[in-house]
Every structure is written in C-alpha cells, then in structure tokens.
Protein backbone atom coordinates (compact mmCIF):
# COMPACT_ATOMS: atom_id res chain seq x y z
CA MET A 1 0.00 0.00 0.00
CA SER A 2 1.38 3.41 -0.97
CA ARG A 3 2.14 5.83 1.85
CA GLU A 4 1.24 9.48 2.29
CA ILE A 5 1.90 12.30 4.74
CA VAL A 6 -1.20 13.46 6.61
CA ALA A 7 -1.50 16.98 8.04
CA GLY A 8 -4.33 18.07 10.32
CA VAL A 9 -5.64 21.58 9.60
CA ASP A 10 -8.15 23.77 11.42
CA GLY A 11 -7.58 27.17 9.80
CA SER A 12 -5.26 28.50 12.52
CA PRO A 13 -1.81 29.94 11.67
CA GLU A 14 -0.26 26.99 13.51
CA SER A 15 -2.11 24.44 11.41
CA LEU A 16 -1.22 26.24 8.19
CA ALA A 17 2.45 26.31 9.19
CA ALA A 18 2.22 22.58 9.91
CA ALA A 19 0.62 21.94 6.53
CA ASP A 20 3.37 23.94 4.81
CA TRP A 21 6.05 21.92 6.61
CA ALA A 22 4.25 18.71 5.66
CA ALA A 23 4.14 19.81 2.01
CA ARG A 24 7.88 20.37 1.89
CA GLU A 25 8.52 17.08 3.64
CA ALA A 26 6.29 15.31 1.14
CA LEU A 27 8.36 16.75 -1.70
CA HIS A 28 11.58 15.71 0.04
CA ARG A 29 10.28 12.15 0.34
CA ASP A 30 8.44 12.06 -3.00
CA LEU A 31 5.17 11.25 -1.22
CA PRO A 32 1.65 12.65 -1.62
CA LEU A 33 0.23 14.96 1.03
CA ARG A 34 -3.26 14.60 2.44
CA LEU A 35 -4.86 17.49 4.32
CA ALA A 36 -7.47 16.44 6.87
CA HIS A 37 -9.98 18.57 8.76
CA ALA A 38 -12.05 16.94 11.50
CA TRP A 39 -15.66 18.09 11.59
CA ARG A 40 -18.77 16.55 13.04
CA TRP A 41 -22.23 18.07 12.94
CA GLU A 42 -23.21 19.53 16.31
CA PRO A 43 -25.92 22.13 16.85
CA LEU A 44 -24.35 25.41 17.99
CA ASP A 45 -25.88 28.24 19.97
CA LEU A 46 -25.03 30.69 17.18
CA PRO A 47 -27.87 31.78 14.88
CA LEU A 48 -25.69 32.18 11.77
CA LEU A 49 -24.14 28.73 12.16
CA GLN A 50 -27.10 26.81 13.57
CA ASP A 51 -27.88 24.71 10.51
CA ARG A 52 -25.79 21.83 9.30
CA ALA A 53 -25.28 23.22 5.79
CA SER A 54 -23.70 26.42 7.17
CA GLN A 55 -21.29 24.55 9.40
CA GLU A 56 -20.39 22.14 6.62
CA GLY A 57 -19.76 25.06 4.27
CA VAL A 58 -17.35 26.63 6.74
CA ALA A 59 -15.43 23.36 7.07
CA ASP A 60 -15.25 22.90 3.29
CA ALA A 61 -14.08 26.50 2.74
CA LEU A 62 -11.40 26.21 5.42
CA LEU A 63 -9.97 23.08 3.84
CA SER A 64 -10.22 24.45 0.30
CA ASP A 65 -8.29 27.58 1.26
CA ALA A 66 -5.47 25.52 2.76
CA ARG A 67 -5.38 23.19 -0.24
CA ASP A 68 -5.38 26.05 -2.78
CA THR A 69 -2.59 27.88 -0.94
CA LEU A 70 -0.33 24.83 -0.98
CA ALA A 71 -1.19 23.99 -4.58
CA ARG A 72 -0.07 27.46 -5.68
CA ARG A 73 3.04 27.37 -3.53
CA TYR A 74 4.11 23.83 -4.47
CA PRO A 75 2.79 23.04 -7.97
CA ASP A 76 4.67 19.71 -8.13
CA LEU A 77 3.06 18.41 -4.93
CA ALA A 78 0.60 15.51 -5.14
CA LEU A 79 -2.13 16.90 -2.90
CA THR A 80 -5.53 15.76 -1.68
CA ALA A 81 -7.84 17.10 1.01
CA GLY A 82 -10.91 15.87 2.83
CA VAL A 83 -13.24 16.66 5.70
CA LEU A 84 -13.42 13.77 8.18
CA ASP A 85 -16.69 13.24 10.01
CA ASP A 86 -15.20 12.45 13.40
CA THR A 87 -13.58 13.96 16.46
CA PRO A 88 -10.01 15.32 15.95
CA VAL A 89 -8.24 12.44 17.72
CA ALA A 90 -10.20 9.65 16.05
CA ALA A 91 -10.07 11.43 12.69
CA LEU A 92 -6.29 11.74 12.50
CA LEU A 93 -5.58 8.37 14.07
CA GLY A 94 -7.99 6.85 11.58
CA THR A 95 -5.69 7.87 8.70
CA GLU A 96 -2.73 5.87 10.00
CA ASP A 97 -3.23 2.84 7.79
CA ARG A 98 -1.65 4.79 4.90
CA ALA A 99 0.25 7.49 6.77
CA GLU A 100 4.02 7.74 6.73
CA MET A 101 3.61 10.35 9.47
CA LEU A 102 1.03 12.67 10.98
CA VAL A 103 1.74 16.40 11.18
CA ILE A 104 0.02 18.80 13.60
CA GLY A 105 0.61 22.39 14.65
CA SER A 106 1.98 23.48 18.01
CA ARG A 107 1.37 26.73 19.84
CA GLY A 108 4.25 28.55 21.47
CA HIS A 109 6.70 27.61 24.20
CA GLY A 110 6.32 26.72 27.82
CA ALA A 111 4.87 23.96 29.94
CA VAL A 112 1.27 25.19 29.56
CA ALA A 113 1.38 25.58 25.77
CA GLY A 114 -1.32 23.72 23.86
CA PHE A 115 -1.26 21.95 20.54
CA LEU A 116 -3.16 22.80 17.38
CA LEU A 117 -5.97 20.46 18.34
CA GLY A 118 -6.14 21.79 21.90
CA SER A 119 -5.98 19.13 24.58
CA TYR A 120 -6.26 16.49 21.84
CA GLY A 121 -2.64 16.94 20.70
CA GLN A 122 -1.12 14.81 23.43
CA GLN A 123 -3.77 12.14 22.88
CA ILE A 124 -2.87 11.98 19.19
CA ILE A 125 0.83 11.70 19.95
CA ALA A 126 0.30 9.13 22.69
CA GLY A 127 -2.11 7.02 20.66
CA ALA A 128 -0.40 7.10 17.28
CA THR A 129 1.34 4.08 15.82
CA ARG A 130 3.10 6.28 13.25
CA PRO A 131 5.50 9.19 13.89
CA VAL A 132 3.80 12.48 14.77
CA VAL A 133 5.53 15.77 13.93
CA ALA A 134 4.56 18.89 15.88
CA VAL A 135 5.41 22.13 14.05
CA ARG A 136 5.58 25.57 15.62
CA SER A 137 4.65 28.77 13.84
CA ARG A 138 6.35 32.16 13.73
CA ASP A 139 4.10 34.67 11.98
CA GLY A 140 2.40 31.83 10.15
CA GLU A 141 5.64 30.19 8.99
CA PRO A 142 7.25 27.04 10.42
CA ALA A 143 10.14 27.61 12.83
CA GLU A 144 12.77 25.69 10.88
CA PRO A 145 16.24 26.86 9.81
CA PRO A 146 16.99 26.57 6.08
CA ALA A 147 19.97 24.33 6.85
CA GLY A 148 21.08 22.25 9.79
CA HIS A 149 21.19 18.75 11.12
CA VAL A 150 18.50 16.28 12.11
CA LEU A 151 18.91 15.85 15.85
CA VAL A 152 18.00 12.51 17.40
CA GLY A 153 18.14 11.20 20.93
CA GLN A 154 19.59 7.72 21.41
CA LEU A 155 18.37 6.45 24.75
CA GLY A 156 18.60 3.05 26.36
CA SER A 157 19.41 -0.03 24.30
CA PRO A 158 19.75 -0.12 20.51
CA GLU A 159 16.30 -1.71 20.33
CA ASP A 160 14.78 1.10 22.42
CA SER A 161 15.87 3.76 19.94
CA ALA A 162 15.75 1.86 16.63
CA ALA A 163 12.51 3.45 15.40
CA ALA A 164 13.66 6.99 16.23
CA LEU A 165 17.04 6.43 14.57
CA ASP A 166 15.43 4.99 11.47
CA PHE A 167 13.14 8.01 11.14
CA ALA A 168 16.00 10.46 11.73
CA PHE A 169 18.30 8.86 9.16
CA ALA A 170 15.53 8.52 6.56
CA THR A 171 14.63 12.19 7.04
CA ALA A 172 18.25 13.31 6.75
CA ALA A 173 18.77 11.19 3.63
CA ALA A 174 15.66 12.68 1.98
CA ARG A 175 16.81 16.21 2.79
CA GLY A 176 20.51 15.77 2.08
CA ALA A 177 21.21 16.69 5.71
CA SER A 178 23.43 15.30 8.45
CA VAL A 179 22.41 13.52 11.65
CA ARG A 180 23.53 14.58 15.11
CA ALA A 181 22.96 11.68 17.49
CA VAL A 182 22.94 12.52 21.20
CA ARG A 183 23.17 10.16 24.13
CA ALA A 184 22.76 11.57 27.64
CA TRP A 185 24.08 9.76 30.66
CA SER A 186 24.01 10.25 34.42
CA LEU A 187 26.31 9.29 37.26
CA PRO A 188 25.51 5.78 38.50
CA THR A 189 23.34 5.20 41.52
CA LEU A 190 22.69 1.99 43.39
CA TYR A 191 19.95 1.06 40.89
CA ALA A 192 21.04 2.75 37.68
CA TYR A 193 23.79 0.34 36.67
CA SER A 194 23.87 -3.40 37.18
CA PRO A 195 27.09 -5.17 38.22
CA ALA A 196 27.35 -6.51 34.65
CA SER A 197 27.09 -3.03 33.11
CA MET A 198 29.66 -1.66 35.56
CA ARG A 199 32.03 -4.45 34.57
CA LEU A 200 31.53 -3.54 30.91
CA ALA A 201 32.16 0.11 31.75
CA ASP A 202 35.42 -0.84 33.44
CA GLU A 203 36.43 -2.88 30.40
CA ALA A 204 35.65 0.09 28.15
CA GLY A 205 37.93 2.34 30.19
CA GLY A 206 35.32 4.24 32.21
CA LEU A 207 31.76 5.50 32.04
CA VAL A 208 32.29 8.02 29.24
CA PRO A 209 33.95 5.52 26.87
CA PHE A 210 31.24 3.02 27.82
CA GLU A 211 28.49 5.46 26.81
CA GLU A 212 30.36 6.41 23.63
CA LYS A 213 30.66 2.74 22.72
CA ALA A 214 26.92 2.22 23.39
CA LEU A 215 26.04 5.11 21.06
CA ARG A 216 28.46 3.93 18.37
CA GLU A 217 26.99 0.43 18.42
CA ALA A 218 23.41 1.71 18.31
CA LEU A 219 24.22 3.83 15.24
CA ALA A 220 26.13 1.14 13.35
CA PRO A 221 23.16 -0.40 11.46
CA TRP A 222 21.91 3.02 10.35
CA ARG A 223 25.36 4.18 9.24
CA GLU A 224 25.51 1.07 7.08
CA ARG A 225 21.99 1.56 5.70
CA TYR A 226 22.52 5.27 4.98
CA PRO A 227 26.22 5.62 4.09
CA GLU A 228 25.55 8.99 2.39
CA VAL A 229 24.37 10.63 5.63
CA PRO A 230 27.12 12.37 7.66
CA VAL A 231 26.86 11.59 11.37
CA THR A 232 28.07 13.45 14.45
CA GLU A 233 28.05 11.58 17.75
CA HIS A 234 27.66 13.41 21.05
CA VAL A 235 27.69 11.99 24.58
CA GLU A 236 27.03 14.31 27.49
CA LEU A 237 26.42 14.07 31.22
CA GLY A 238 22.95 15.32 32.12
CA SER A 239 19.26 14.62 31.74
CA ALA A 240 18.16 13.50 28.30
CA GLY A 241 15.71 16.37 27.89
CA GLN A 242 18.23 19.05 28.84
CA VAL A 243 21.01 17.60 26.68
CA LEU A 244 18.75 17.36 23.63
CA LEU A 245 17.36 20.86 24.07
CA SER A 246 20.84 22.33 24.37
CA SER A 247 21.58 20.97 20.86
CA ALA A 248 18.25 21.86 19.26
CA GLY A 249 18.93 25.47 18.31
CA ALA A 250 20.50 24.67 14.92
CA ALA A 251 18.41 21.58 14.16
CA GLN A 252 15.99 21.22 11.26
CA LEU A 253 14.13 18.59 13.24
CA LEU A 254 14.37 16.98 16.66
CA VAL A 255 13.49 13.28 16.77
CA VAL A 256 12.63 11.50 20.02
CA GLY A 257 11.17 8.09 20.73
CA ARG A 258 8.36 7.27 23.11
CA ARG A 259 7.03 4.24 24.87
CA ALA A 260 3.30 3.59 25.21
CA ARG A 261 2.27 4.66 28.69
CA ARG A 262 -1.00 5.39 30.46
CA GLY A 263 -1.30 7.46 33.59
CA ALA A 264 -4.09 8.17 36.04
CA VAL A 265 -5.31 11.09 33.90
CA GLY A 266 -4.88 9.50 30.47
CA PRO A 267 -2.16 8.71 27.94
CA ARG A 268 1.38 9.87 28.68
CA ILE A 269 4.22 10.48 26.26
CA GLY A 270 7.22 10.46 28.61
CA SER A 271 9.27 13.27 30.11
CA VAL A 272 11.80 13.56 27.26
CA ALA A 273 9.14 13.89 24.55
CA HIS A 274 7.15 16.26 26.75
CA ALA A 275 10.15 18.57 27.24
CA ALA A 276 11.01 18.50 23.55
CA LEU A 277 7.46 19.25 22.41
CA HIS A 278 7.04 22.23 24.72
CA LEU A 279 10.52 23.76 24.66
CA ALA A 280 12.36 22.88 21.44
CA PRO A 281 12.55 25.77 18.94
CA CYS A 282 12.35 23.44 15.92
CA PRO A 283 9.74 20.92 14.73
CA VAL A 284 9.67 17.77 16.88
CA ALA A 285 8.98 14.24 15.66
CA VAL A 286 7.76 11.77 18.28
CA VAL A 287 8.29 8.21 17.07
CA PRO A 288 6.58 5.27 18.80
CA GLN A 289 8.91 2.45 19.72
CA GLY A 290 8.14 -0.90 18.18
C-alpha cells in the first residue's frame, strides 16, 4: 500500500504552518500529502451557524483555502484534502493505515502551551502508531532553519531507539542533511547500573567511553543503511531532555522516541518527549517504539 503524509488543519496559523512543513517534507520524500480537517455536525448556539449546511460550508471552505494555498506554492506536490466526520483524535488516528507520518501544529513555548488540536494533541501523539511531527509557527511560517542537522536522541538499548534512529536517518537522507545523534548519561546510583554493566564500563575504560561505545553500536546499522548521511556523535552528562534541548537550536528537526504509557489522567508520552514538544525551537517528531 502506498504511503502518504497526513497533516491536520483547522484554519489556525499553527495548522497552516504545519501543513506547509508537511508539504515540503512530502516533496523531500516524494510522497503525496493529504490534508485532513475533522468536523462533526453539532448544533451550535449561534444563529448564523445553527444549521448543518452552514457549518459544513465553513469546514469545506477552510480546507479548500489551505489546499489552494499549498497547490499554488508547491505546484509539483501531489495533494488531496478531505473533511473527516469524526472527532479530531479519532479522525487523525484513523488515517494511519496509509500514513508515513502525521503532522500537527503546536502553539508557542512553555509547559502550559497547547497543541493545534487543543488538549487532543497529546492524545494523538500518545495514541499514534506512526510518527507524529509537531510544528511551531512564527508569523504563520514554520520555525525551521533553512539548513542544519537532524537531531536525534539515542536512549537506552539499541532496540529502544531503533525506530527513532530509522526516522531520523531517513529524514536526513531525503533532505541531504546530516544527523547529530545525542546520548545523555548520568552518574551511576545503586539502581542505575547493574554489576554486569559496571564491569563492561570498566572494560571500556570508564563510564564516558562506555556510553560512547553504546552510542556507536546503536548507530552502526543506520550508518551502514545510509552511508551517504554524515553523522556526528555526542555523549554528554545530564538529563536526556536538557542535553537534547541544548543541541536543538540549529536543528531542522528533533526526533525523540516514546514508549506507550498510560497514567491516572490518560495517555502519557514520557518526560523527554514532553520537554522536547514544549521547549524545542524546531519541529519535533515523536516516534513510537516498536
């Protein structure tokens, strides 16, 4: 089955910036782009928009404007658009069977910032089986430098980060960019390192060489698969979120993995992804781990 990039739009500047980013990514990857707007008929307490036909017309016009703007801007782009009769979360997640990735807008910086789809953004990211890219907007344009590396966090074992590394290398290859792979580490505590891992660290010559070796081994399959992609390796003492954010200023894209988690108040995406989504200045791709 052929793949496509799916961008959720709602008419806001953030969603239009996300759609623009998705269009350029589709061209990089030689994939079609599908614009999706979630709308479901609900009676509103507004006289001018009380009837179904009026609401449906607004939804159609919103989507048509976004489609026409991208078609003029990117004439070589294979582009489709459709209104989905569902709630935002179910609508976008329902497109995953053909989606290479989902793209949504993101509002501003800070821990209380919301996503394009309001409180639904985290649910989309937490529930998706495909990568989700959150794109910020500055004056209606994506916050993305014209050049720079694809930044990816390598955390845990090679298996833990395989999906994120694959996405980062594929993106860099499509863009003709380099990859900067970052592995954060912390000083050992009683529970952080097992006796076996400490023995391996001693054999490697210390904790720093041990972490460098772990990063090098995790990257080896992707270096072999994408020999044309230049790679910079970086190991640093500190929390994963802080280390990644300190390297994000010059990045085209920050890629982080996530594990499926549920908390008492709903789906969770993990502290590293949470920090990246709210504080990184560049677009952030959250990639579910296998």
